[in-house]
Amino acid sequence: MALNYFFFCIFLFCALLISFSEADDILGCNGFIKSNIEINFTKVEIKLMTKQGTLKDQTECAPNNGYYFLPLYDKGEYVLKVC
């Protein structure tokens, strides 16, 4: 009986913790690199640039399907460069 009460208390604590936690949405730019010819995705880089040409962030593609994700910390207009 005490063990059931213990598990119930743990479950209740976890449920309350989840219900009171807040998660801000992560803004970002993501997508897939597509090509008509076969390319090696391990050599592809995606660069996030400001309109003035300043590099804000860069990432590599996933080697199996060309997926990329760049988090955006500041709202604004950006340019993506594929290198």
PDB file of N, CA and C in Angstrom:
ATOM      1  N   MET A   1       0.819  -1.198   0.000  1.00  0.00           N
ATOM      2  CA  MET A   1       0.000   0.000   0.000  1.00  0.00           C
ATOM      3  C   MET A   1       0.860   1.257   0.000  1.00  0.00           C
ATOM      4  N   ALA A   2       1.928   1.236   0.791  1.00  0.00           N
ATOM      5  CA  ALA A   2       2.811   2.395   0.866  1.00  0.00           C
ATOM      6  C   ALA A   2       3.522   2.625  -0.466  1.00  0.00           C
ATOM      7  N   LEU A   3       3.831   1.548  -1.164  1.00  0.00           N
ATOM      8  CA  LEU A   3       4.496   1.673  -2.459  1.00  0.00           C
ATOM      9  C   LEU A   3       3.570   2.320  -3.483  1.00  0.00           C
ATOM     10  N   ASN A   4       2.290   1.944  -3.501  1.00  0.00           N
ATOM     11  CA  ASN A   4       1.322   2.570  -4.405  1.00  0.00           C
ATOM     12  C   ASN A   4       1.175   4.055  -4.103  1.00  0.00           C
ATOM     13  N   TYR A   5       1.154   4.422  -2.828  1.00  0.00           N
ATOM     14  CA  TYR A   5       1.055   5.824  -2.431  1.00  0.00           C
ATOM     15  C   TYR A   5       2.286   6.597  -2.895  1.00  0.00           C
ATOM     16  N   PHE A   6       3.465   5.957  -2.772  1.00  0.00           N
ATOM     17  CA  PHE A   6       4.706   6.583  -3.209  1.00  0.00           C
ATOM     18  C   PHE A   6       4.668   6.864  -4.710  1.00  0.00           C
ATOM     19  N   PHE A   7       4.269   5.886  -5.521  1.00  0.00           N
ATOM     20  CA  PHE A   7       4.206   6.072  -6.969  1.00  0.00           C
ATOM     21  C   PHE A   7       3.149   7.113  -7.347  1.00  0.00           C
ATOM     22  N   PHE A   8       2.046   7.138  -6.618  1.00  0.00           N
ATOM     23  CA  PHE A   8       1.024   8.150  -6.872  1.00  0.00           C
ATOM     24  C   PHE A   8       1.572   9.544  -6.594  1.00  0.00           C
ATOM     25  N   CYS A   9       2.325   9.707  -5.522  1.00  0.00           N
ATOM     26  CA  CYS A   9       2.921  11.015  -5.198  1.00  0.00           C
ATOM     27  C   CYS A   9       3.937  11.439  -6.258  1.00  0.00           C
ATOM     28  N   ILE A  10       4.746  10.496  -6.732  1.00  0.00           N
ATOM     29  CA  ILE A  10       5.713  10.809  -7.794  1.00  0.00           C
ATOM     30  C   ILE A  10       4.980  11.217  -9.070  1.00  0.00           C
ATOM     31  N   PHE A  11       3.935  10.477  -9.421  1.00  0.00           N
ATOM     32  CA  PHE A  11       3.152  10.809 -10.611  1.00  0.00           C
ATOM     33  C   PHE A  11       2.527  12.196 -10.478  1.00  0.00           C
ATOM     34  N   LEU A  12       1.968  12.493  -9.339  1.00  0.00           N
ATOM     35  CA  LEU A  12       1.336  13.790  -9.109  1.00  0.00           C
ATOM     36  C   LEU A  12       2.357  14.921  -9.178  1.00  0.00           C
ATOM     37  N   PHE A  13       3.515  14.691  -8.596  1.00  0.00           N
ATOM     38  CA  PHE A  13       4.577  15.700  -8.637  1.00  0.00           C
ATOM     39  C   PHE A  13       5.011  15.967 -10.077  1.00  0.00           C
ATOM     40  N   CYS A  14       5.202  14.922 -10.861  1.00  0.00           N
ATOM     41  CA  CYS A  14       5.609  15.088 -12.266  1.00  0.00           C
ATOM     42  C   CYS A  14       4.525  15.790 -13.073  1.00  0.00           C
ATOM     43  N   ALA A  15       3.273  15.447 -12.825  1.00  0.00           N
ATOM     44  CA  ALA A  15       2.177  16.095 -13.546  1.00  0.00           C
ATOM     45  C   ALA A  15       2.107  17.581 -13.216  1.00  0.00           C
ATOM     46  N   LEU A  16       2.290  17.933 -11.961  1.00  0.00           N
ATOM     47  CA  LEU A  16       2.283  19.345 -11.575  1.00  0.00           C
ATOM     48  C   LEU A  16       3.483  20.078 -12.155  1.00  0.00           C
ATOM     49  N   LEU A  17       4.630  19.442 -12.155  1.00  0.00           N
ATOM     50  CA  LEU A  17       5.832  20.055 -12.696  1.00  0.00           C
ATOM     51  C   LEU A  17       5.675  20.347 -14.184  1.00  0.00           C
ATOM     52  N   ILE A  18       5.112  19.408 -14.908  1.00  0.00           N
ATOM     53  CA  ILE A  18       4.906  19.596 -16.344  1.00  0.00           C
ATOM     54  C   ILE A  18       3.866  20.677 -16.606  1.00  0.00           C
ATOM     55  N   SER A  19       2.813  20.715 -15.805  1.00  0.00           N
ATOM     56  CA  SER A  19       1.750  21.684 -16.063  1.00  0.00           C
ATOM     57  C   SER A  19       2.187  23.113 -15.752  1.00  0.00           C
ATOM     58  N   PHE A  20       3.113  23.305 -14.824  1.00  0.00           N
ATOM     59  CA  PHE A  20       3.558  24.650 -14.467  1.00  0.00           C
ATOM     60  C   PHE A  20       4.783  25.114 -15.244  1.00  0.00           C
ATOM     61  N   SER A  21       5.417  24.228 -15.980  1.00  0.00           N
ATOM     62  CA  SER A  21       6.602  24.644 -16.730  1.00  0.00           C
ATOM     63  C   SER A  21       6.172  25.334 -18.017  1.00  0.00           C
ATOM     64  N   GLU A  22       6.939  26.329 -18.397  1.00  0.00           N
ATOM     65  CA  GLU A  22       6.678  27.063 -19.631  1.00  0.00           C
ATOM     66  C   GLU A  22       7.856  26.870 -20.567  1.00  0.00           C
ATOM     67  N   ALA A  23       7.561  26.742 -21.833  1.00  0.00           N
ATOM     68  CA  ALA A  23       8.609  26.614 -22.831  1.00  0.00           C
ATOM     69  C   ALA A  23       8.378  27.669 -23.900  1.00  0.00           C
ATOM     70  N   ASP A  24       9.375  28.508 -24.080  1.00  0.00           N
ATOM     71  CA  ASP A  24       9.294  29.476 -25.162  1.00  0.00           C
ATOM     72  C   ASP A  24       9.534  28.743 -26.475  1.00  0.00           C
ATOM     73  N   ASP A  25       8.805  29.160 -27.490  1.00  0.00           N
ATOM     74  CA  ASP A  25       9.028  28.563 -28.800  1.00  0.00           C
ATOM     75  C   ASP A  25      10.376  29.001 -29.331  1.00  0.00           C
ATOM     76  N   ILE A  26      11.067  28.056 -29.924  1.00  0.00           N
ATOM     77  CA  ILE A  26      12.354  28.369 -30.525  1.00  0.00           C
ATOM     78  C   ILE A  26      12.100  28.793 -31.960  1.00  0.00           C
ATOM     79  N   LEU A  27      12.471  30.017 -32.263  1.00  0.00           N
ATOM     80  CA  LEU A  27      12.364  30.488 -33.632  1.00  0.00           C
ATOM     81  C   LEU A  27      13.602  30.041 -34.383  1.00  0.00           C
ATOM     82  N   GLY A  28      13.404  29.666 -35.605  1.00  0.00           N
ATOM     83  CA  GLY A  28      14.549  29.222 -36.370  1.00  0.00           C
ATOM     84  C   GLY A  28      14.242  29.139 -37.845  1.00  0.00           C
ATOM     85  N   CYS A  29      15.278  28.868 -38.568  1.00  0.00           N
ATOM     86  CA  CYS A  29      15.187  28.689 -40.011  1.00  0.00           C
ATOM     87  C   CYS A  29      15.673  27.280 -40.297  1.00  0.00           C
ATOM     88  N   ASN A  30      14.849  26.501 -40.957  1.00  0.00           N
ATOM     89  CA  ASN A  30      15.232  25.124 -41.239  1.00  0.00           C
ATOM     90  C   ASN A  30      14.744  24.716 -42.610  1.00  0.00           C
ATOM     91  N   GLY A  31      15.279  23.607 -43.079  1.00  0.00           N
ATOM     92  CA  GLY A  31      14.857  23.091 -44.372  1.00  0.00           C
ATOM     93  C   GLY A  31      15.765  21.975 -44.836  1.00  0.00           C
ATOM     94  N   PHE A  32      15.614  21.622 -46.092  1.00  0.00           N
ATOM     95  CA  PHE A  32      16.408  20.571 -46.704  1.00  0.00           C
ATOM     96  C   PHE A  32      17.117  21.141 -47.928  1.00  0.00           C
ATOM     97  N   ILE A  33      18.335  20.710 -48.141  1.00  0.00           N
ATOM     98  CA  ILE A  33      19.067  21.043 -49.361  1.00  0.00           C
ATOM     99  C   ILE A  33      18.665  20.015 -50.408  1.00  0.00           C
ATOM    100  N   LYS A  34      18.199  20.488 -51.539  1.00  0.00           N
ATOM    101  CA  LYS A  34      17.788  19.603 -52.631  1.00  0.00           C
ATOM    102  C   LYS A  34      18.642  19.912 -53.856  1.00  0.00           C
ATOM    103  N   SER A  35      18.914  18.895 -54.655  1.00  0.00           N
ATOM    104  CA  SER A  35      19.706  19.064 -55.866  1.00  0.00           C
ATOM    105  C   SER A  35      19.283  18.027 -56.893  1.00  0.00           C
ATOM    106  N   ASN A  36      19.399  18.403 -58.164  1.00  0.00           N
ATOM    107  CA  ASN A  36      19.102  17.464 -59.252  1.00  0.00           C
ATOM    108  C   ASN A  36      20.223  16.449 -59.430  1.00  0.00           C
ATOM    109  N   ILE A  37      21.419  16.818 -58.976  1.00  0.00           N
ATOM    110  CA  ILE A  37      22.552  15.895 -59.058  1.00  0.00           C
ATOM    111  C   ILE A  37      22.912  15.443 -57.649  1.00  0.00           C
ATOM    112  N   GLU A  38      23.602  14.328 -57.541  1.00  0.00           N
ATOM    113  CA  GLU A  38      23.985  13.806 -56.236  1.00  0.00           C
ATOM    114  C   GLU A  38      25.124  14.644 -55.659  1.00  0.00           C
ATOM    115  N   ILE A  39      24.955  15.106 -54.414  1.00  0.00           N
ATOM    116  CA  ILE A  39      25.994  15.901 -53.762  1.00  0.00           C
ATOM    117  C   ILE A  39      26.334  15.278 -52.410  1.00  0.00           C
ATOM    118  N   ASN A  40      27.518  15.615 -51.915  1.00  0.00           N
ATOM    119  CA  ASN A  40      27.967  15.155 -50.609  1.00  0.00           C
ATOM    120  C   ASN A  40      27.544  16.207 -49.581  1.00  0.00           C
ATOM    121  N   PHE A  41      26.528  15.892 -48.766  1.00  0.00           N
ATOM    122  CA  PHE A  41      25.986  16.861 -47.820  1.00  0.00           C
ATOM    123  C   PHE A  41      26.964  17.204 -46.698  1.00  0.00           C
ATOM    124  N   THR A  42      27.977  16.388 -46.465  1.00  0.00           N
ATOM    125  CA  THR A  42      28.934  16.683 -45.396  1.00  0.00           C
ATOM    126  C   THR A  42      29.796  17.894 -45.710  1.00  0.00           C
ATOM    127  N   LYS A  43      29.858  18.280 -46.981  1.00  0.00           N
ATOM    128  CA  LYS A  43      30.666  19.433 -47.373  1.00  0.00           C
ATOM    129  C   LYS A  43      29.847  20.708 -47.532  1.00  0.00           C
ATOM    130  N   VAL A  44      28.545  20.638 -47.291  1.00  0.00           N
ATOM    131  CA  VAL A  44      27.663  21.791 -47.474  1.00  0.00           C
ATOM    132  C   VAL A  44      27.490  22.510 -46.141  1.00  0.00           C
ATOM    133  N   GLU A  45      27.650  23.833 -46.162  1.00  0.00           N
ATOM    134  CA  GLU A  45      27.412  24.673 -44.989  1.00  0.00           C
ATOM    135  C   GLU A  45      26.320  25.681 -45.299  1.00  0.00           C
ATOM    136  N   ILE A  46      25.507  25.975 -44.307  1.00  0.00           N
ATOM    137  CA  ILE A  46      24.475  26.993 -44.417  1.00  0.00           C
ATOM    138  C   ILE A  46      24.883  28.141 -43.504  1.00  0.00           C
ATOM    139  N   LYS A  47      24.923  29.346 -44.047  1.00  0.00           N
ATOM    140  CA  LYS A  47      25.315  30.521 -43.274  1.00  0.00           C
ATOM    141  C   LYS A  47      24.132  31.479 -43.174  1.00  0.00           C
ATOM    142  N   LEU A  48      23.902  31.964 -41.977  1.00  0.00           N
ATOM    143  CA  LEU A  48      22.857  32.947 -41.714  1.00  0.00           C
ATOM    144  C   LEU A  48      23.528  34.305 -41.646  1.00  0.00           C
ATOM    145  N   MET A  49      23.202  35.173 -42.609  1.00  0.00           N
ATOM    146  CA  MET A  49      23.833  36.485 -42.733  1.00  0.00           C
ATOM    147  C   MET A  49      22.790  37.583 -42.536  1.00  0.00           C
ATOM    148  N   THR A  50      23.231  38.704 -42.002  1.00  0.00           N
ATOM    149  CA  THR A  50      22.363  39.873 -41.955  1.00  0.00           C
ATOM    150  C   THR A  50      22.324  40.491 -43.341  1.00  0.00           C
ATOM    151  N   LYS A  51      21.424  41.437 -43.531  1.00  0.00           N
ATOM    152  CA  LYS A  51      21.350  42.102 -44.842  1.00  0.00           C
ATOM    153  C   LYS A  51      22.620  42.906 -45.126  1.00  0.00           C
ATOM    154  N   GLN A  52      23.333  43.290 -44.063  1.00  0.00           N
ATOM    155  CA  GLN A  52      24.582  44.044 -44.228  1.00  0.00           C
ATOM    156  C   GLN A  52      25.772  43.134 -44.517  1.00  0.00           C
ATOM    157  N   GLY A  53      25.577  41.817 -44.421  1.00  0.00           N
ATOM    158  CA  GLY A  53      26.634  40.865 -44.736  1.00  0.00           C
ATOM    159  C   GLY A  53      27.371  40.313 -43.533  1.00  0.00           C
ATOM    160  N   THR A  54      26.900  40.580 -42.323  1.00  0.00           N
ATOM    161  CA  THR A  54      27.533  40.060 -41.121  1.00  0.00           C
ATOM    162  C   THR A  54      27.073  38.628 -40.863  1.00  0.00           C
ATOM    163  N   LEU A  55      28.020  37.748 -40.566  1.00  0.00           N
ATOM    164  CA  LEU A  55      27.691  36.354 -40.275  1.00  0.00           C
ATOM    165  C   LEU A  55      27.121  36.257 -38.876  1.00  0.00           C
ATOM    166  N   LYS A  56      25.883  35.763 -38.757  1.00  0.00           N
ATOM    167  CA  LYS A  56      25.239  35.586 -37.452  1.00  0.00           C
ATOM    168  C   LYS A  56      25.442  34.164 -36.922  1.00  0.00           C
ATOM    169  N   ASP A  57      25.321  33.169 -37.803  1.00  0.00           N
ATOM    170  CA  ASP A  57      25.441  31.772 -37.379  1.00  0.00           C
ATOM    171  C   ASP A  57      25.686  30.922 -38.616  1.00  0.00           C
ATOM    172  N   GLN A  58      26.208  29.725 -38.392  1.00  0.00           N
ATOM    173  CA  GLN A  58      26.384  28.783 -39.500  1.00  0.00           C
ATOM    174  C   GLN A  58      26.229  27.371 -38.979  1.00  0.00           C
ATOM    175  N   THR A  59      25.872  26.476 -39.883  1.00  0.00           N
ATOM    176  CA  THR A  59      25.681  25.078 -39.517  1.00  0.00           C
ATOM    177  C   THR A  59      25.984  24.195 -40.710  1.00  0.00           C
ATOM    178  N   GLU A  60      26.121  22.919 -40.418  1.00  0.00           N
ATOM    179  CA  GLU A  60      26.309  21.925 -41.469  1.00  0.00           C
ATOM    180  C   GLU A  60      24.992  21.186 -41.679  1.00  0.00           C
ATOM    181  N   CYS A  61      24.865  20.581 -42.825  1.00  0.00           N
ATOM    182  CA  CYS A  61      23.681  19.781 -43.131  1.00  0.00           C
ATOM    183  C   CYS A  61      23.816  18.394 -42.518  1.00  0.00           C
ATOM    184  N   ALA A  62      22.691  17.758 -42.328  1.00  0.00           N
ATOM    185  CA  ALA A  62      22.700  16.351 -41.928  1.00  0.00           C
ATOM    186  C   ALA A  62      23.257  15.547 -43.100  1.00  0.00           C
ATOM    187  N   PRO A  63      24.199  14.653 -42.849  1.00  0.00           N
ATOM    188  CA  PRO A  63      24.845  13.949 -43.967  1.00  0.00           C
ATOM    189  C   PRO A  63      23.944  12.976 -44.712  1.00  0.00           C
ATOM    190  N   ASN A  64      22.847  12.551 -44.104  1.00  0.00           N
ATOM    191  CA  ASN A  64      22.006  11.552 -44.773  1.00  0.00           C
ATOM    192  C   ASN A  64      20.911  12.154 -45.642  1.00  0.00           C
ATOM    193  N   ASN A  65      20.375  13.361 -45.269  1.00  0.00           N
ATOM    194  CA  ASN A  65      19.263  13.901 -46.057  1.00  0.00           C
ATOM    195  C   ASN A  65      19.348  15.397 -46.341  1.00  0.00           C
ATOM    196  N   GLY A  66      20.387  16.079 -45.880  1.00  0.00           N
ATOM    197  CA  GLY A  66      20.560  17.497 -46.188  1.00  0.00           C
ATOM    198  C   GLY A  66      19.747  18.446 -45.329  1.00  0.00           C
ATOM    199  N   TYR A  67      19.254  17.987 -44.181  1.00  0.00           N
ATOM    200  CA  TYR A  67      18.448  18.840 -43.298  1.00  0.00           C
ATOM    201  C   TYR A  67      19.352  19.795 -42.528  1.00  0.00           C
ATOM    202  N   TYR A  68      18.878  21.017 -42.333  1.00  0.00           N
ATOM    203  CA  TYR A  68      19.617  21.991 -41.525  1.00  0.00           C
ATOM    204  C   TYR A  68      18.640  22.739 -40.627  1.00  0.00           C
ATOM    205  N   PHE A  69      19.157  23.284 -39.521  1.00  0.00           N
ATOM    206  CA  PHE A  69      18.380  24.120 -38.617  1.00  0.00           C
ATOM    207  C   PHE A  69      19.294  25.182 -38.035  1.00  0.00           C
ATOM    208  N   LEU A  70      18.861  26.429 -38.132  1.00  0.00           N
ATOM    209  CA  LEU A  70      19.581  27.552 -37.539  1.00  0.00           C
ATOM    210  C   LEU A  70      18.638  28.274 -36.583  1.00  0.00           C
ATOM    211  N   PRO A  71      18.978  28.327 -35.293  1.00  0.00           N
ATOM    212  CA  PRO A  71      18.118  29.061 -34.361  1.00  0.00           C
ATOM    213  C   PRO A  71      18.241  30.560 -34.572  1.00  0.00           C
ATOM    214  N   LEU A  72      17.134  31.264 -34.424  1.00  0.00           N
ATOM    215  CA  LEU A  72      17.127  32.724 -34.550  1.00  0.00           C
ATOM    216  C   LEU A  72      16.921  33.322 -33.171  1.00  0.00           C
ATOM    217  N   TYR A  73      17.886  34.102 -32.729  1.00  0.00           N
ATOM    218  CA  TYR A  73      17.796  34.712 -31.410  1.00  0.00           C
ATOM    219  C   TYR A  73      17.216  36.117 -31.488  1.00  0.00           C
ATOM    220  N   ASP A  74      17.384  36.776 -32.616  1.00  0.00           N
ATOM    221  CA  ASP A  74      16.858  38.125 -32.824  1.00  0.00           C
ATOM    222  C   ASP A  74      15.952  38.114 -34.044  1.00  0.00           C
ATOM    223  N   LYS A  75      14.802  38.759 -33.922  1.00  0.00           N
ATOM    224  CA  LYS A  75      13.914  38.872 -35.078  1.00  0.00           C
ATOM    225  C   LYS A  75      14.502  39.875 -36.058  1.00  0.00           C
ATOM    226  N   GLY A  76      14.273  39.628 -37.333  1.00  0.00           N
ATOM    227  CA  GLY A  76      14.789  40.515 -38.362  1.00  0.00           C
ATOM    228  C   GLY A  76      14.790  39.837 -39.711  1.00  0.00           C
ATOM    229  N   GLU A  77      15.383  40.502 -40.679  1.00  0.00           N
ATOM    230  CA  GLU A  77      15.510  39.955 -42.024  1.00  0.00           C
ATOM    231  C   GLU A  77      16.915  39.425 -42.206  1.00  0.00           C
ATOM    232  N   TYR A  78      17.007  38.194 -42.703  1.00  0.00           N
ATOM    233  CA  TYR A  78      18.291  37.537 -42.863  1.00  0.00           C
ATOM    234  C   TYR A  78      18.412  36.974 -44.276  1.00  0.00           C
ATOM    235  N   VAL A  79      19.634  36.629 -44.624  1.00  0.00           N
ATOM    236  CA  VAL A  79      19.941  36.011 -45.909  1.00  0.00           C
ATOM    237  C   VAL A  79      20.626  34.676 -45.611  1.00  0.00           C
ATOM    238  N   LEU A  80      20.185  33.621 -46.296  1.00  0.00           N
ATOM    239  CA  LEU A  80      20.831  32.315 -46.176  1.00  0.00           C
ATOM    240  C   LEU A  80      21.781  32.128 -47.334  1.00  0.00           C
ATOM    241  N   LYS A  81      22.989  31.680 -47.028  1.00  0.00           N
ATOM    242  CA  LYS A  81      23.967  31.366 -48.071  1.00  0.00           C
ATOM    243  C   LYS A  81      24.340  29.903 -47.952  1.00  0.00           C
ATOM    244  N   VAL A  82      24.318  29.220 -49.063  1.00  0.00           N
ATOM    245  CA  VAL A  82      24.698  27.812 -49.123  1.00  0.00           C
ATOM    246  C   VAL A  82      26.096  27.751 -49.692  1.00  0.00           C
ATOM    247  N   CYS A  83      27.019  27.220 -48.908  1.00  0.00           N
ATOM    248  CA  CYS A  83      28.427  27.161 -49.327  1.00  0.00           C
ATOM    249  C   CYS A  83      28.894  25.727 -49.375  1.00  0.00           C
TER     250      CYS A  83
END
